[in-house]
Amino acid sequence: MSKLLFSISVLSGLVSFSAYNLGFALEKKAIQRLPEKVKNKTSSFLKAILTNPLWLFGLFLTIISVGFYFVALMWAPLSAIAPLSGFGLIIVVIFAHLDLKESLRKIEIFSFVLIIIGSCTSSYLTSKAIISYSWNQWTDLAHSTGGIVFLCLSACLGISFLFFKFSKFNMITTYMIAFFSGTLAGIQAIVIKGTTVGISNKAFNSNLLVFLSYIFTILMAALFSSGALQFAFKKGNVSIIMAIYNGIMTLFPILFGGIILIEWENLLIISKIFLGIAVIMTLIGVIILSIKHSQNSQDNNL
């Protein structure tokens, strides 16, 4: 795979995560501007947001982000694109800074540095890994026992919050919902990668049922992930929720790509060590920025 196509994928990933996070911020801002009496009545709430230009523009950004994400995964490995999620958070924080005229704190700038260095390093190292798959290679790896067990365990961990449903530990339930939402977002990324493999290999001609099941999974994961996240916001601390969501959403595709899809197989030992450090740096930056931005959002009603 050419460096040009890989560069296009990375650029598309940056645009995708930026559009998604900015769109989400605009939707949340539009909702928080609504009067409480409108928020409390479902029909009035739906009518208000569906006629709100700011909310509709945010929705538009989140929709087109999916298209860019498909392009991002078309010519790049999962473990190269997933760490770029941190750049989307950076865009949101800068937007909040410009919109609310708030100063950037040292801890946020520090997280910027971690995300940029970690993401650039991991993307550079994984650019030397396997980038394209035939449909048979994909099914052998992703549909292997290890791949199925990975996804099933991820889903089981995600839905484990149901066991706390009748528990007195309501806050634990809320954060498990955030974990569930992040898990679904991570699984969605993995399935999108499989869909791009099917498209590039025209596998949908002979594997239509599998291809349609991928599309269905993407749609359902997006629906339940977004819905669960909104439900978690009602009861939990937003900063912790976003830290859990963004961390899991970033980590799962990286692990699946590196372990199940063996995207790191051709890397030297020293490269794998630096890749591990880069991924950890990115995750730390994502979690710090999620916490700090969410705290600022609550304080400034963004």
C-alpha atoms as a PDB file:
ATOM      1  CA  MET A   1       0.000   0.000   0.000  1.00  0.00           C
ATOM      2  CA  SER A   2       1.400   3.395  -0.989  1.00  0.00           C
ATOM      3  CA  LYS A   3       2.369   6.048   1.518  1.00  0.00           C
ATOM      4  CA  LEU A   4      -0.034   8.415  -0.253  1.00  0.00           C
ATOM      5  CA  LEU A   5      -3.065   6.232   0.497  1.00  0.00           C
ATOM      6  CA  PHE A   6      -1.914   5.756   4.080  1.00  0.00           C
ATOM      7  CA  SER A   7      -1.548   9.538   4.437  1.00  0.00           C
ATOM      8  CA  ILE A   8      -5.070  10.019   3.038  1.00  0.00           C
ATOM      9  CA  SER A   9      -6.389   7.550   5.624  1.00  0.00           C
ATOM     10  CA  VAL A  10      -4.646   9.334   8.505  1.00  0.00           C
ATOM     11  CA  LEU A  11      -5.913  12.717   7.305  1.00  0.00           C
ATOM     12  CA  SER A  12      -9.445  11.310   7.009  1.00  0.00           C
ATOM     13  CA  GLY A  13      -9.152   9.938  10.529  1.00  0.00           C
ATOM     14  CA  LEU A  14      -8.193  13.361  11.858  1.00  0.00           C
ATOM     15  CA  VAL A  15     -11.156  14.953  10.066  1.00  0.00           C
ATOM     16  CA  SER A  16     -13.516  12.205  11.266  1.00  0.00           C
ATOM     17  CA  PHE A  17     -12.652  12.466  14.968  1.00  0.00           C
ATOM     18  CA  SER A  18     -12.607  16.266  14.804  1.00  0.00           C
ATOM     19  CA  ALA A  19     -16.024  16.440  13.130  1.00  0.00           C
ATOM     20  CA  TYR A  20     -17.507  13.884  15.536  1.00  0.00           C
ATOM     21  CA  ASN A  21     -16.310  15.599  18.704  1.00  0.00           C
ATOM     22  CA  LEU A  22     -17.153  19.093  17.475  1.00  0.00           C
ATOM     23  CA  GLY A  23     -20.597  17.948  16.359  1.00  0.00           C
ATOM     24  CA  PHE A  24     -21.210  16.322  19.724  1.00  0.00           C
ATOM     25  CA  ALA A  25     -20.171  19.537  21.510  1.00  0.00           C
ATOM     26  CA  LEU A  26     -22.536  21.626  19.365  1.00  0.00           C
ATOM     27  CA  GLU A  27     -25.442  19.242  19.988  1.00  0.00           C
ATOM     28  CA  LYS A  28     -24.837  19.363  23.722  1.00  0.00           C
ATOM     29  CA  LYS A  29     -24.565  23.149  23.668  1.00  0.00           C
ATOM     30  CA  ALA A  30     -27.825  23.498  21.745  1.00  0.00           C
ATOM     31  CA  ILE A  31     -29.638  21.193  24.183  1.00  0.00           C
ATOM     32  CA  GLN A  32     -28.332  22.987  27.261  1.00  0.00           C
ATOM     33  CA  ARG A  33     -29.613  26.297  25.901  1.00  0.00           C
ATOM     34  CA  LEU A  34     -33.180  24.971  25.890  1.00  0.00           C
ATOM     35  CA  PRO A  35     -35.548  25.948  28.728  1.00  0.00           C
ATOM     36  CA  GLU A  36     -36.029  23.255  31.365  1.00  0.00           C
ATOM     37  CA  LYS A  37     -39.750  22.963  30.633  1.00  0.00           C
ATOM     38  CA  VAL A  38     -38.917  22.076  27.022  1.00  0.00           C
ATOM     39  CA  LYS A  39     -36.323  19.467  28.065  1.00  0.00           C
ATOM     40  CA  ASN A  40     -38.784  17.740  30.397  1.00  0.00           C
ATOM     41  CA  LYS A  41     -41.418  17.095  27.721  1.00  0.00           C
ATOM     42  CA  THR A  42     -40.350  14.604  25.045  1.00  0.00           C
ATOM     43  CA  SER A  43     -42.479  15.987  22.183  1.00  0.00           C
ATOM     44  CA  SER A  44     -41.429  19.583  22.841  1.00  0.00           C
ATOM     45  CA  PHE A  45     -37.809  18.518  23.248  1.00  0.00           C
ATOM     46  CA  LEU A  46     -37.731  16.678  19.917  1.00  0.00           C
ATOM     47  CA  LYS A  47     -39.452  19.541  18.118  1.00  0.00           C
ATOM     48  CA  ALA A  48     -37.007  22.040  19.613  1.00  0.00           C
ATOM     49  CA  ILE A  49     -33.821  20.212  18.639  1.00  0.00           C
ATOM     50  CA  LEU A  50     -35.061  19.236  15.169  1.00  0.00           C
ATOM     51  CA  THR A  51     -35.696  22.916  14.388  1.00  0.00           C
ATOM     52  CA  ASN A  52     -32.525  24.186  16.082  1.00  0.00           C
ATOM     53  CA  PRO A  53     -29.862  25.177  13.475  1.00  0.00           C
ATOM     54  CA  LEU A  54     -26.985  24.659  15.920  1.00  0.00           C
ATOM     55  CA  TRP A  55     -28.132  21.152  16.868  1.00  0.00           C
ATOM     56  CA  LEU A  56     -28.775  20.231  13.222  1.00  0.00           C
ATOM     57  CA  PHE A  57     -25.311  21.422  12.219  1.00  0.00           C
ATOM     58  CA  GLY A  58     -23.831  19.328  15.025  1.00  0.00           C
ATOM     59  CA  LEU A  59     -25.804  16.329  13.774  1.00  0.00           C
ATOM     60  CA  PHE A  60     -24.519  16.965  10.255  1.00  0.00           C
ATOM     61  CA  LEU A  61     -20.919  16.926  11.504  1.00  0.00           C
ATOM     62  CA  THR A  62     -21.407  13.660  13.398  1.00  0.00           C
ATOM     63  CA  ILE A  63     -22.974  12.040  10.310  1.00  0.00           C
ATOM     64  CA  ILE A  64     -20.221  13.029   7.894  1.00  0.00           C
ATOM     65  CA  SER A  65     -17.628  11.917  10.442  1.00  0.00           C
ATOM     66  CA  VAL A  66     -18.734   8.325   9.764  1.00  0.00           C
ATOM     67  CA  GLY A  67     -17.954   8.720   6.067  1.00  0.00           C
ATOM     68  CA  PHE A  68     -14.481  10.022   6.808  1.00  0.00           C
ATOM     69  CA  TYR A  69     -13.978   7.147   9.252  1.00  0.00           C
ATOM     70  CA  PHE A  70     -14.708   4.638   6.497  1.00  0.00           C
ATOM     71  CA  VAL A  71     -12.075   6.302   4.309  1.00  0.00           C
ATOM     72  CA  ALA A  72      -9.637   6.346   7.227  1.00  0.00           C
ATOM     73  CA  LEU A  73      -9.899   2.589   7.712  1.00  0.00           C
ATOM     74  CA  MET A  74      -9.857   1.803   4.000  1.00  0.00           C
ATOM     75  CA  TRP A  75      -6.072   2.017   3.662  1.00  0.00           C
ATOM     76  CA  ALA A  76      -4.752   2.027   7.234  1.00  0.00           C
ATOM     77  CA  PRO A  77      -4.676  -0.489  10.102  1.00  0.00           C
ATOM     78  CA  LEU A  78      -6.977  -0.127  13.085  1.00  0.00           C
ATOM     79  CA  SER A  79      -4.075   0.450  15.440  1.00  0.00           C
ATOM     80  CA  ALA A  80      -2.961   3.439  13.357  1.00  0.00           C
ATOM     81  CA  ILE A  81      -6.332   5.205  13.237  1.00  0.00           C
ATOM     82  CA  ALA A  82      -7.767   4.561  16.720  1.00  0.00           C
ATOM     83  CA  PRO A  83      -5.160   6.693  18.579  1.00  0.00           C
ATOM     84  CA  LEU A  84      -6.149   9.681  16.439  1.00  0.00           C
ATOM     85  CA  SER A  85      -9.314  10.044  18.547  1.00  0.00           C
ATOM     86  CA  GLY A  86      -7.289  12.292  20.839  1.00  0.00           C
ATOM     87  CA  PHE A  87      -7.003  14.909  18.112  1.00  0.00           C
ATOM     88  CA  GLY A  88     -10.787  15.230  18.083  1.00  0.00           C
ATOM     89  CA  LEU A  89     -10.715  16.058  21.787  1.00  0.00           C
ATOM     90  CA  ILE A  90      -8.049  18.684  21.159  1.00  0.00           C
ATOM     91  CA  ILE A  91     -10.302  20.336  18.568  1.00  0.00           C
ATOM     92  CA  VAL A  92     -13.201  20.446  21.047  1.00  0.00           C
ATOM     93  CA  VAL A  93     -11.056  21.971  23.792  1.00  0.00           C
ATOM     94  CA  ILE A  94      -9.737  24.630  21.401  1.00  0.00           C
ATOM     95  CA  PHE A  95     -13.317  25.320  20.293  1.00  0.00           C
ATOM     96  CA  ALA A  96     -14.372  25.722  23.924  1.00  0.00           C
ATOM     97  CA  HIS A  97     -11.422  28.035  24.478  1.00  0.00           C
ATOM     98  CA  LEU A  98     -12.410  30.260  21.552  1.00  0.00           C
ATOM     99  CA  ASP A  99     -16.147  30.083  22.244  1.00  0.00           C
ATOM    100  CA  LEU A 100     -16.033  30.613  25.998  1.00  0.00           C
ATOM    101  CA  LYS A 101     -12.862  32.745  26.057  1.00  0.00           C
ATOM    102  CA  GLU A 102     -11.438  30.489  28.749  1.00  0.00           C
ATOM    103  CA  SER A 103      -7.694  30.072  29.164  1.00  0.00           C
ATOM    104  CA  LEU A 104      -6.003  26.761  28.535  1.00  0.00           C
ATOM    105  CA  ARG A 105      -4.534  25.249  31.668  1.00  0.00           C
ATOM    106  CA  LYS A 106      -1.110  23.646  31.842  1.00  0.00           C
ATOM    107  CA  ILE A 107      -2.568  20.170  32.375  1.00  0.00           C
ATOM    108  CA  GLU A 108      -4.580  20.493  29.150  1.00  0.00           C
ATOM    109  CA  ILE A 109      -1.569  21.659  27.190  1.00  0.00           C
ATOM    110  CA  PHE A 110       0.372  18.739  28.683  1.00  0.00           C
ATOM    111  CA  SER A 111      -2.340  16.346  27.468  1.00  0.00           C
ATOM    112  CA  PHE A 112      -2.110  17.966  24.004  1.00  0.00           C
ATOM    113  CA  VAL A 113       1.586  17.105  23.919  1.00  0.00           C
ATOM    114  CA  LEU A 114       0.971  13.515  25.047  1.00  0.00           C
ATOM    115  CA  ILE A 115      -1.738  12.963  22.427  1.00  0.00           C
ATOM    116  CA  ILE A 116       0.203  14.531  19.564  1.00  0.00           C
ATOM    117  CA  ILE A 117       3.465  12.708  20.313  1.00  0.00           C
ATOM    118  CA  GLY A 118       1.720   9.418  21.097  1.00  0.00           C
ATOM    119  CA  SER A 119      -0.569   9.511  18.054  1.00  0.00           C
ATOM    120  CA  CYS A 120       2.131  10.561  15.605  1.00  0.00           C
ATOM    121  CA  THR A 121       4.544   7.922  16.917  1.00  0.00           C
ATOM    122  CA  SER A 122       1.984   5.100  16.870  1.00  0.00           C
ATOM    123  CA  SER A 123       0.750   6.057  13.392  1.00  0.00           C
ATOM    124  CA  TYR A 124       4.304   6.182  12.061  1.00  0.00           C
ATOM    125  CA  LEU A 125       5.210   2.794  13.526  1.00  0.00           C
ATOM    126  CA  THR A 126       1.991   1.086  12.417  1.00  0.00           C
ATOM    127  CA  SER A 127       2.425   2.496   8.911  1.00  0.00           C
ATOM    128  CA  LYS A 128       5.091  -0.182   8.564  1.00  0.00           C
ATOM    129  CA  ALA A 129       2.602  -2.909   9.495  1.00  0.00           C
ATOM    130  CA  ILE A 130       0.097  -4.802   7.361  1.00  0.00           C
ATOM    131  CA  ILE A 131      -2.303  -2.290   5.843  1.00  0.00           C
ATOM    132  CA  SER A 132      -4.470  -4.254   3.418  1.00  0.00           C
ATOM    133  CA  TYR A 133      -6.168  -7.640   3.665  1.00  0.00           C
ATOM    134  CA  SER A 134      -7.844  -9.965   1.244  1.00  0.00           C
ATOM    135  CA  TRP A 135     -11.324 -11.014   2.321  1.00  0.00           C
ATOM    136  CA  ASN A 136     -10.039 -14.499   3.143  1.00  0.00           C
ATOM    137  CA  GLN A 137      -7.270 -13.048   5.316  1.00  0.00           C
ATOM    138  CA  TRP A 138      -9.769 -10.871   7.142  1.00  0.00           C
ATOM    139  CA  THR A 139     -12.189 -13.720   7.844  1.00  0.00           C
ATOM    140  CA  ASP A 140      -9.351 -16.019   8.927  1.00  0.00           C
ATOM    141  CA  LEU A 141      -8.189 -13.456  11.482  1.00  0.00           C
ATOM    142  CA  ALA A 142     -11.267 -11.469  12.546  1.00  0.00           C
ATOM    143  CA  HIS A 143     -13.596 -14.499  12.453  1.00  0.00           C
ATOM    144  CA  SER A 144     -11.080 -16.730  14.184  1.00  0.00           C
ATOM    145  CA  THR A 145     -11.720 -18.187  17.624  1.00  0.00           C
ATOM    146  CA  GLY A 146      -9.528 -15.479  19.132  1.00  0.00           C
ATOM    147  CA  GLY A 147     -11.396 -12.706  17.301  1.00  0.00           C
ATOM    148  CA  ILE A 148     -14.819 -14.019  18.282  1.00  0.00           C
ATOM    149  CA  VAL A 149     -13.756 -14.518  21.904  1.00  0.00           C
ATOM    150  CA  PHE A 150     -12.306 -10.989  22.001  1.00  0.00           C
ATOM    151  CA  LEU A 151     -15.525  -9.430  20.706  1.00  0.00           C
ATOM    152  CA  CYS A 152     -17.763 -11.599  22.877  1.00  0.00           C
ATOM    153  CA  LEU A 153     -15.771 -10.833  26.012  1.00  0.00           C
ATOM    154  CA  SER A 154     -15.846  -7.130  25.114  1.00  0.00           C
ATOM    155  CA  ALA A 155     -19.615  -7.237  24.707  1.00  0.00           C
ATOM    156  CA  CYS A 156     -20.036  -9.219  27.939  1.00  0.00           C
ATOM    157  CA  LEU A 157     -17.915  -6.737  29.854  1.00  0.00           C
ATOM    158  CA  GLY A 158     -19.896  -3.910  28.323  1.00  0.00           C
ATOM    159  CA  ILE A 159     -23.323  -5.262  29.248  1.00  0.00           C
ATOM    160  CA  SER A 160     -22.180  -6.345  32.701  1.00  0.00           C
ATOM    161  CA  PHE A 161     -23.656  -3.099  34.044  1.00  0.00           C
ATOM    162  CA  LEU A 162     -27.022  -4.888  33.876  1.00  0.00           C
ATOM    163  CA  PHE A 163     -25.982  -6.953  36.864  1.00  0.00           C
ATOM    164  CA  PHE A 164     -25.851  -3.725  38.868  1.00  0.00           C
ATOM    165  CA  LYS A 165     -29.307  -2.677  37.756  1.00  0.00           C
ATOM    166  CA  PHE A 166     -30.964  -3.406  41.062  1.00  0.00           C
ATOM    167  CA  SER A 167     -27.900  -2.660  43.132  1.00  0.00           C
ATOM    168  CA  LYS A 168     -27.562   0.172  45.624  1.00  0.00           C
ATOM    169  CA  PHE A 169     -24.391   1.198  43.821  1.00  0.00           C
ATOM    170  CA  ASN A 170     -26.084   3.520  41.325  1.00  0.00           C
ATOM    171  CA  MET A 171     -22.867   5.348  40.478  1.00  0.00           C
ATOM    172  CA  ILE A 172     -21.157   2.077  39.577  1.00  0.00           C
ATOM    173  CA  THR A 173     -24.087   1.318  37.281  1.00  0.00           C
ATOM    174  CA  THR A 174     -23.674   4.664  35.545  1.00  0.00           C
ATOM    175  CA  TYR A 175     -19.973   4.189  34.903  1.00  0.00           C
ATOM    176  CA  MET A 176     -20.538   0.652  33.686  1.00  0.00           C
ATOM    177  CA  ILE A 177     -22.953   2.139  31.168  1.00  0.00           C
ATOM    178  CA  ALA A 178     -20.161   4.466  30.027  1.00  0.00           C
ATOM    179  CA  PHE A 179     -17.918   1.391  29.701  1.00  0.00           C
ATOM    180  CA  PHE A 180     -20.648  -0.332  27.691  1.00  0.00           C
ATOM    181  CA  SER A 181     -20.992   2.685  25.401  1.00  0.00           C
ATOM    182  CA  GLY A 182     -17.243   2.873  24.801  1.00  0.00           C
ATOM    183  CA  THR A 183     -17.137  -0.871  24.134  1.00  0.00           C
ATOM    184  CA  LEU A 184     -19.834  -0.585  21.473  1.00  0.00           C
ATOM    185  CA  ALA A 185     -18.008   2.340  19.856  1.00  0.00           C
ATOM    186  CA  GLY A 186     -14.835   0.231  19.778  1.00  0.00           C
ATOM    187  CA  ILE A 187     -16.654  -2.763  18.293  1.00  0.00           C
ATOM    188  CA  GLN A 188     -18.211  -0.437  15.726  1.00  0.00           C
ATOM    189  CA  ALA A 189     -14.726   0.647  14.617  1.00  0.00           C
ATOM    190  CA  ILE A 190     -13.665  -2.984  14.219  1.00  0.00           C
ATOM    191  CA  VAL A 191     -16.738  -3.846  12.146  1.00  0.00           C
ATOM    192  CA  ILE A 192     -16.257  -0.737   9.994  1.00  0.00           C
ATOM    193  CA  LYS A 193     -12.747  -1.987   9.246  1.00  0.00           C
ATOM    194  CA  GLY A 194     -14.230  -5.334   8.159  1.00  0.00           C
ATOM    195  CA  THR A 195     -16.744  -3.520   5.977  1.00  0.00           C
ATOM    196  CA  THR A 196     -13.982  -1.576   4.210  1.00  0.00           C
ATOM    197  CA  VAL A 197     -12.180  -4.867   3.547  1.00  0.00           C
ATOM    198  CA  GLY A 198     -15.377  -6.269   2.060  1.00  0.00           C
ATOM    199  CA  ILE A 199     -15.842  -3.190  -0.120  1.00  0.00           C
ATOM    200  CA  SER A 200     -12.239  -3.083  -1.353  1.00  0.00           C
ATOM    201  CA  ASN A 201     -12.361  -6.802  -2.188  1.00  0.00           C
ATOM    202  CA  LYS A 202     -15.936  -6.643  -3.542  1.00  0.00           C
ATOM    203  CA  ALA A 203     -16.729  -9.444  -1.121  1.00  0.00           C
ATOM    204  CA  PHE A 204     -20.327  -8.259  -0.785  1.00  0.00           C
ATOM    205  CA  ASN A 205     -21.031  -9.935  -4.137  1.00  0.00           C
ATOM    206  CA  SER A 206     -20.396 -13.412  -2.756  1.00  0.00           C
ATOM    207  CA  ASN A 207     -20.803 -12.752   0.960  1.00  0.00           C
ATOM    208  CA  LEU A 208     -23.890 -10.558   0.979  1.00  0.00           C
ATOM    209  CA  LEU A 209     -25.290 -11.956   4.236  1.00  0.00           C
ATOM    210  CA  VAL A 210     -22.034 -11.309   6.121  1.00  0.00           C
ATOM    211  CA  PHE A 211     -21.735  -7.856   4.594  1.00  0.00           C
ATOM    212  CA  LEU A 212     -25.313  -6.936   5.543  1.00  0.00           C
ATOM    213  CA  SER A 213     -24.729  -8.216   9.074  1.00  0.00           C
ATOM    214  CA  TYR A 214     -21.729  -5.874   9.290  1.00  0.00           C
ATOM    215  CA  ILE A 215     -23.854  -2.900   8.232  1.00  0.00           C
ATOM    216  CA  PHE A 216     -26.559  -3.864  10.744  1.00  0.00           C
ATOM    217  CA  THR A 217     -23.972  -4.168  13.528  1.00  0.00           C
ATOM    218  CA  ILE A 218     -22.537  -0.742  12.715  1.00  0.00           C
ATOM    219  CA  LEU A 219     -25.966   0.885  12.868  1.00  0.00           C
ATOM    220  CA  MET A 220     -27.005  -0.882  16.072  1.00  0.00           C
ATOM    221  CA  ALA A 221     -23.669  -0.151  17.772  1.00  0.00           C
ATOM    222  CA  ALA A 222     -23.969   3.536  16.885  1.00  0.00           C
ATOM    223  CA  LEU A 223     -27.575   3.684  18.127  1.00  0.00           C
ATOM    224  CA  PHE A 224     -27.048   1.931  21.448  1.00  0.00           C
ATOM    225  CA  SER A 225     -23.677   3.535  22.115  1.00  0.00           C
ATOM    226  CA  SER A 226     -25.079   7.054  21.693  1.00  0.00           C
ATOM    227  CA  GLY A 227     -28.251   6.239  23.614  1.00  0.00           C
ATOM    228  CA  ALA A 228     -26.392   4.654  26.520  1.00  0.00           C
ATOM    229  CA  LEU A 229     -24.017   7.603  26.734  1.00  0.00           C
ATOM    230  CA  GLN A 230     -26.885  10.073  26.971  1.00  0.00           C
ATOM    231  CA  PHE A 231     -28.479   7.961  29.704  1.00  0.00           C
ATOM    232  CA  ALA A 232     -25.212   7.889  31.639  1.00  0.00           C
ATOM    233  CA  PHE A 233     -25.002  11.696  31.498  1.00  0.00           C
ATOM    234  CA  LYS A 234     -28.211  12.000  33.498  1.00  0.00           C
ATOM    235  CA  LYS A 235     -26.806  10.463  36.678  1.00  0.00           C
ATOM    236  CA  GLY A 236     -23.025  10.299  36.572  1.00  0.00           C
ATOM    237  CA  ASN A 237     -20.090  12.667  36.627  1.00  0.00           C
ATOM    238  CA  VAL A 238     -19.608  13.780  33.028  1.00  0.00           C
ATOM    239  CA  SER A 239     -15.826  14.027  33.350  1.00  0.00           C
ATOM    240  CA  ILE A 240     -15.473  10.405  34.506  1.00  0.00           C
ATOM    241  CA  ILE A 241     -18.009   9.185  31.944  1.00  0.00           C
ATOM    242  CA  MET A 242     -16.164  10.805  29.031  1.00  0.00           C
ATOM    243  CA  ALA A 243     -12.802   9.561  30.304  1.00  0.00           C
ATOM    244  CA  ILE A 244     -14.121   5.977  30.427  1.00  0.00           C
ATOM    245  CA  TYR A 245     -15.911   6.273  27.068  1.00  0.00           C
ATOM    246  CA  ASN A 246     -13.011   7.808  25.140  1.00  0.00           C
ATOM    247  CA  GLY A 247     -10.434   5.541  26.754  1.00  0.00           C
ATOM    248  CA  ILE A 248     -12.294   2.306  25.958  1.00  0.00           C
ATOM    249  CA  MET A 249     -13.308   3.508  22.479  1.00  0.00           C
ATOM    250  CA  THR A 250      -9.633   4.146  21.708  1.00  0.00           C
ATOM    251  CA  LEU A 251      -8.137   1.067  23.381  1.00  0.00           C
ATOM    252  CA  PHE A 252     -10.348  -1.737  22.026  1.00  0.00           C
ATOM    253  CA  PRO A 253      -9.630  -1.233  18.290  1.00  0.00           C
ATOM    254  CA  ILE A 254      -5.904  -0.878  19.038  1.00  0.00           C
ATOM    255  CA  LEU A 255      -5.809  -4.193  20.903  1.00  0.00           C
ATOM    256  CA  PHE A 256      -7.932  -5.962  18.291  1.00  0.00           C
ATOM    257  CA  GLY A 257      -5.743  -4.671  15.482  1.00  0.00           C
ATOM    258  CA  GLY A 258      -2.483  -5.492  17.207  1.00  0.00           C
ATOM    259  CA  ILE A 259      -3.401  -8.853  18.779  1.00  0.00           C
ATOM    260  CA  ILE A 260      -6.122 -10.378  16.583  1.00  0.00           C
ATOM    261  CA  LEU A 261      -5.267  -8.868  13.196  1.00  0.00           C
ATOM    262  CA  ILE A 262      -1.509  -9.200  13.962  1.00  0.00           C
ATOM    263  CA  GLU A 263      -0.851  -5.725  12.595  1.00  0.00           C
ATOM    264  CA  TRP A 264       2.333  -5.523  14.680  1.00  0.00           C
ATOM    265  CA  GLU A 265       3.730  -8.885  13.592  1.00  0.00           C
ATOM    266  CA  ASN A 266       6.329  -7.435  11.214  1.00  0.00           C
ATOM    267  CA  LEU A 267       7.579  -4.797  13.642  1.00  0.00           C
ATOM    268  CA  LEU A 268      10.931  -5.143  15.376  1.00  0.00           C
ATOM    269  CA  ILE A 269      10.955  -5.682  19.136  1.00  0.00           C
ATOM    270  CA  ILE A 270      12.229  -2.153  19.742  1.00  0.00           C
ATOM    271  CA  SER A 271       9.447  -0.761  17.521  1.00  0.00           C
ATOM    272  CA  LYS A 272       6.835  -2.728  19.485  1.00  0.00           C
ATOM    273  CA  ILE A 273       8.201  -1.297  22.733  1.00  0.00           C
ATOM    274  CA  PHE A 274       8.003   2.267  21.426  1.00  0.00           C
ATOM    275  CA  LEU A 275       4.550   1.546  20.012  1.00  0.00           C
ATOM    276  CA  GLY A 276       3.356   0.385  23.428  1.00  0.00           C
ATOM    277  CA  ILE A 277       4.737   3.524  25.042  1.00  0.00           C
ATOM    278  CA  ALA A 278       3.105   5.699  22.365  1.00  0.00           C
ATOM    279  CA  VAL A 279      -0.300   4.044  22.837  1.00  0.00           C
ATOM    280  CA  ILE A 280      -0.091   4.489  26.621  1.00  0.00           C
ATOM    281  CA  MET A 281       0.866   8.165  26.190  1.00  0.00           C
ATOM    282  CA  THR A 282      -2.108   8.691  23.890  1.00  0.00           C
ATOM    283  CA  LEU A 283      -4.537   6.999  26.275  1.00  0.00           C
ATOM    284  CA  ILE A 284      -3.267   9.054  29.232  1.00  0.00           C
ATOM    285  CA  GLY A 285      -3.675  12.240  27.189  1.00  0.00           C
ATOM    286  CA  VAL A 286      -7.194  11.233  26.088  1.00  0.00           C
ATOM    287  CA  ILE A 287      -8.297  10.464  29.654  1.00  0.00           C
ATOM    288  CA  ILE A 288      -6.820  13.680  31.098  1.00  0.00           C
ATOM    289  CA  LEU A 289      -8.363  15.801  28.363  1.00  0.00           C
ATOM    290  CA  SER A 290     -11.737  14.044  28.699  1.00  0.00           C
ATOM    291  CA  ILE A 291     -11.810  14.780  32.416  1.00  0.00           C
ATOM    292  CA  LYS A 292     -10.640  18.389  32.205  1.00  0.00           C
ATOM    293  CA  HIS A 293     -12.816  19.327  29.236  1.00  0.00           C
ATOM    294  CA  SER A 294     -15.911  17.739  30.759  1.00  0.00           C
ATOM    295  CA  GLN A 295     -15.303  19.611  34.014  1.00  0.00           C
ATOM    296  CA  ASN A 296     -15.024  22.876  32.086  1.00  0.00           C
ATOM    297  CA  SER A 297     -18.171  22.012  30.141  1.00  0.00           C
ATOM    298  CA  GLN A 298     -20.126  21.614  33.363  1.00  0.00           C
ATOM    299  CA  ASP A 299     -18.691  24.826  34.829  1.00  0.00           C
ATOM    300  CA  ASN A 300     -19.356  26.874  31.689  1.00  0.00           C
ATOM    301  CA  ASN A 301     -22.557  25.141  30.538  1.00  0.00           C
ATOM    302  CA  LEU A 302     -21.084  24.172  27.170  1.00  0.00           C
END
